[in-house]
């Protein structure tokens, strides 16, 4: 049993070193191994016609740093100044996302410029009851998992306004 654990540890170390060699400068999307996304389960209130649980923004700087460190361990170099990244909620709070570490990732500022409008616009539409939480989360995940999809997602949301 101990041999199996050592083998797994060696494989994990090899995988992490390979990711570093591969030169992932920064995550272009949430790494689903660390950030699969999660919903608010301890709401401060409920919002919108669907009465979606809403968690107030409450992520301590230590949690943000831990997310940053974890992504480095996953093989991302996260080069440049720390200020070039924001710790983003994969599922935004306005769509019922949580403040848990499994919903947080270091998003490079140029990517946030592409997805922040989607979140804002989507939550405005959610507030009007013109889209469901499930539909909005699917669209947001589509844009964040492949930033090239952001214009198409924004076009869909603009039609719903």
Protein backbone atom coordinates (compact mmCIF):
# COMPACT_ATOMS: atom_id res chain seq x y z
CA UNK A 1 0.00 0.00 0.00
CA UNK A 2 2.84 2.39 0.84
CA UNK A 3 4.48 1.61 -2.50
CA UNK A 4 1.26 2.56 -4.30
CA UNK A 5 1.12 5.90 -2.46
CA UNK A 6 4.76 6.63 -3.37
CA UNK A 7 4.01 5.80 -7.00
CA UNK A 8 1.00 8.12 -7.04
CA UNK A 9 3.04 10.88 -5.44
CA UNK A 10 5.82 10.44 -7.99
CA UNK A 11 3.32 10.55 -10.86
CA UNK A 12 1.72 13.70 -9.45
CA UNK A 13 5.12 15.35 -9.11
CA UNK A 14 5.97 14.38 -12.69
CA UNK A 15 2.66 15.76 -13.94
CA UNK A 16 3.15 19.05 -12.11
CA UNK A 17 6.68 19.41 -13.43
CA UNK A 18 5.46 18.64 -16.96
CA UNK A 19 2.85 21.38 -16.66
CA UNK A 20 5.58 23.79 -15.60
CA UNK A 21 7.78 22.74 -18.52
CA UNK A 22 4.83 23.17 -20.86
CA UNK A 23 4.97 26.84 -19.92
CA UNK A 24 1.40 27.65 -19.00
CA UNK A 25 2.00 31.36 -18.50
CA UNK A 26 -1.40 31.94 -16.97
CA UNK A 27 -4.67 30.03 -16.89
CA UNK A 28 -6.78 30.97 -19.88
CA UNK A 29 -9.79 29.48 -18.13
CA UNK A 30 -10.60 28.03 -14.74
CA UNK A 31 -8.70 24.77 -14.24
CA UNK A 32 -11.53 22.35 -13.53
CA UNK A 33 -9.26 20.20 -11.35
CA UNK A 34 -9.20 23.07 -8.84
CA UNK A 35 -12.13 25.26 -9.86
CA UNK A 36 -15.19 23.28 -10.97
CA UNK A 37 -17.46 26.06 -9.68
CA UNK A 38 -19.90 25.96 -6.79
CA UNK A 39 -23.15 27.58 -5.77
CA UNK A 40 -23.94 29.59 -2.67
CA UNK A 41 -25.20 27.30 0.10
CA UNK A 42 -25.13 29.80 2.98
CA UNK A 43 -27.01 32.75 1.48
CA UNK A 44 -27.18 36.22 2.95
CA UNK A 45 -30.33 36.80 0.91
CA UNK A 46 -32.29 35.55 -2.10
CA UNK A 47 -32.58 37.42 -5.38
CA UNK A 48 -34.50 37.63 -8.60
CA UNK A 49 -37.79 36.01 -9.58
CA UNK A 50 -36.19 32.55 -9.06
CA UNK A 51 -35.21 33.46 -5.47
CA UNK A 52 -31.60 32.45 -6.11
CA UNK A 53 -29.44 32.13 -2.97
CA UNK A 54 -27.01 35.06 -2.87
CA UNK A 55 -23.75 35.17 -0.92
CA UNK A 56 -22.26 38.59 -0.18
CA UNK A 57 -18.72 39.04 -1.44
CA UNK A 58 -16.51 37.70 1.34
CA UNK A 59 -13.14 36.37 0.19
CA UNK A 60 -10.27 37.11 2.54
CA UNK A 61 -6.89 38.01 1.08
CA UNK A 62 -5.44 34.79 2.50
CA UNK A 63 -7.94 32.74 0.49
CA UNK A 64 -7.05 34.73 -2.63
CA UNK A 65 -3.36 34.07 -2.09
CA UNK A 66 -4.04 30.37 -1.54
CA UNK A 67 -5.87 30.20 -4.88
CA UNK A 68 -2.92 31.93 -6.55
CA UNK A 69 -0.43 29.51 -4.94
CA UNK A 70 -2.56 26.47 -5.84
CA UNK A 71 -2.63 27.48 -9.50
CA UNK A 72 1.15 27.84 -9.44
CA UNK A 73 1.34 24.29 -8.08
CA UNK A 74 -0.86 23.17 -10.98
CA UNK A 75 1.90 24.36 -13.32
CA UNK A 76 0.88 27.90 -14.21
CA UNK A 77 3.75 30.34 -13.97
CA UNK A 78 1.43 33.32 -13.40
CA UNK A 79 4.21 35.56 -14.58
CA UNK A 80 4.08 39.31 -14.09
CA UNK A 81 2.71 41.39 -11.28
CA UNK A 82 0.08 39.95 -8.97
CA UNK A 83 -1.96 43.07 -9.74
CA UNK A 84 -2.42 41.80 -13.32
CA UNK A 85 -4.78 39.13 -11.99
CA UNK A 86 -8.03 39.22 -10.16
CA UNK A 87 -9.37 36.32 -8.18
CA UNK A 88 -12.52 35.67 -10.16
CA UNK A 89 -15.66 33.80 -9.16
CA UNK A 90 -16.12 31.14 -11.88
CA UNK A 91 -19.86 31.22 -11.18
CA UNK A 92 -20.40 34.89 -10.35
CA UNK A 93 -21.99 35.85 -7.07
CA UNK A 94 -24.80 37.63 -8.91
CA UNK A 95 -25.71 34.29 -10.54
CA UNK A 96 -25.69 32.45 -7.21
CA UNK A 97 -22.00 31.49 -7.04
CA UNK A 98 -20.15 30.86 -3.80
CA UNK A 99 -17.06 32.38 -2.21
CA UNK A 100 -15.55 28.89 -1.83
CA UNK A 101 -12.07 28.16 -3.17
CA UNK A 102 -13.56 25.69 -5.66
CA UNK A 103 -15.29 28.66 -7.31
CA UNK A 104 -12.23 30.95 -7.45
CA UNK A 105 -9.41 31.24 -9.96
CA UNK A 106 -6.71 33.79 -10.92
CA UNK A 107 -8.08 35.50 -14.02
CA UNK A 108 -5.69 37.58 -16.10
CA UNK A 109 -6.96 41.14 -16.60
CA UNK A 110 -7.34 40.85 -20.40
CA UNK A 111 -9.63 37.86 -19.93
CA UNK A 112 -11.71 39.63 -17.30
CA UNK A 113 -12.28 42.44 -19.79
CA UNK A 114 -14.00 39.87 -22.02
CA UNK A 115 -16.12 38.17 -19.37
CA UNK A 116 -17.09 40.89 -16.87
CA UNK A 117 -19.65 42.41 -19.27
CA UNK A 118 -21.16 38.96 -19.81
CA UNK A 119 -21.64 38.56 -16.06
CA UNK A 120 -23.16 42.02 -15.64
CA UNK A 121 -25.45 41.73 -18.63
CA UNK A 122 -26.44 38.17 -17.75
CA UNK A 123 -27.36 39.06 -14.19
CA UNK A 124 -29.43 42.04 -15.40
CA UNK A 125 -31.38 39.63 -17.61
CA UNK A 126 -31.64 37.12 -14.74
CA UNK A 127 -33.13 39.88 -12.55
CA UNK A 128 -35.81 40.47 -15.20
CA UNK A 129 -36.67 36.76 -15.27
CA UNK A 130 -35.76 36.44 -18.95
CA UNK A 131 -33.22 33.67 -18.34
CA UNK A 132 -32.93 30.97 -15.69
CA UNK A 133 -29.99 30.61 -13.34
CA UNK A 134 -29.09 27.30 -14.96
CA UNK A 135 -29.10 28.81 -18.46
CA UNK A 136 -27.03 31.81 -17.39
CA UNK A 137 -24.44 29.69 -15.61
CA UNK A 138 -24.09 27.51 -18.72
CA UNK A 139 -23.47 30.61 -20.86
CA UNK A 140 -20.97 32.09 -18.41
CA UNK A 141 -19.10 28.80 -18.16
CA UNK A 142 -19.04 28.56 -21.95
CA UNK A 143 -17.39 31.99 -22.17
CA UNK A 144 -14.96 31.44 -19.30
CA UNK A 145 -13.87 27.97 -20.40
CA UNK A 146 -13.15 29.25 -23.92
CA UNK A 147 -12.73 33.03 -24.03
CA UNK A 148 -13.09 32.91 -27.83
CA UNK A 149 -16.76 32.10 -27.17
CA UNK A 150 -17.30 35.37 -25.26
CA UNK A 151 -18.56 37.39 -28.27
CA UNK A 152 -21.09 34.69 -29.17
CA UNK A 153 -22.32 34.48 -25.58
CA UNK A 154 -22.64 38.27 -25.37
CA UNK A 155 -24.64 38.24 -28.60
CA UNK A 156 -27.07 35.69 -27.11
CA UNK A 157 -27.47 37.80 -23.97
CA UNK A 158 -27.99 40.99 -25.96
CA UNK A 159 -30.89 39.34 -27.79
CA UNK A 160 -32.53 38.55 -24.44
CA UNK A 161 -32.37 42.13 -23.15
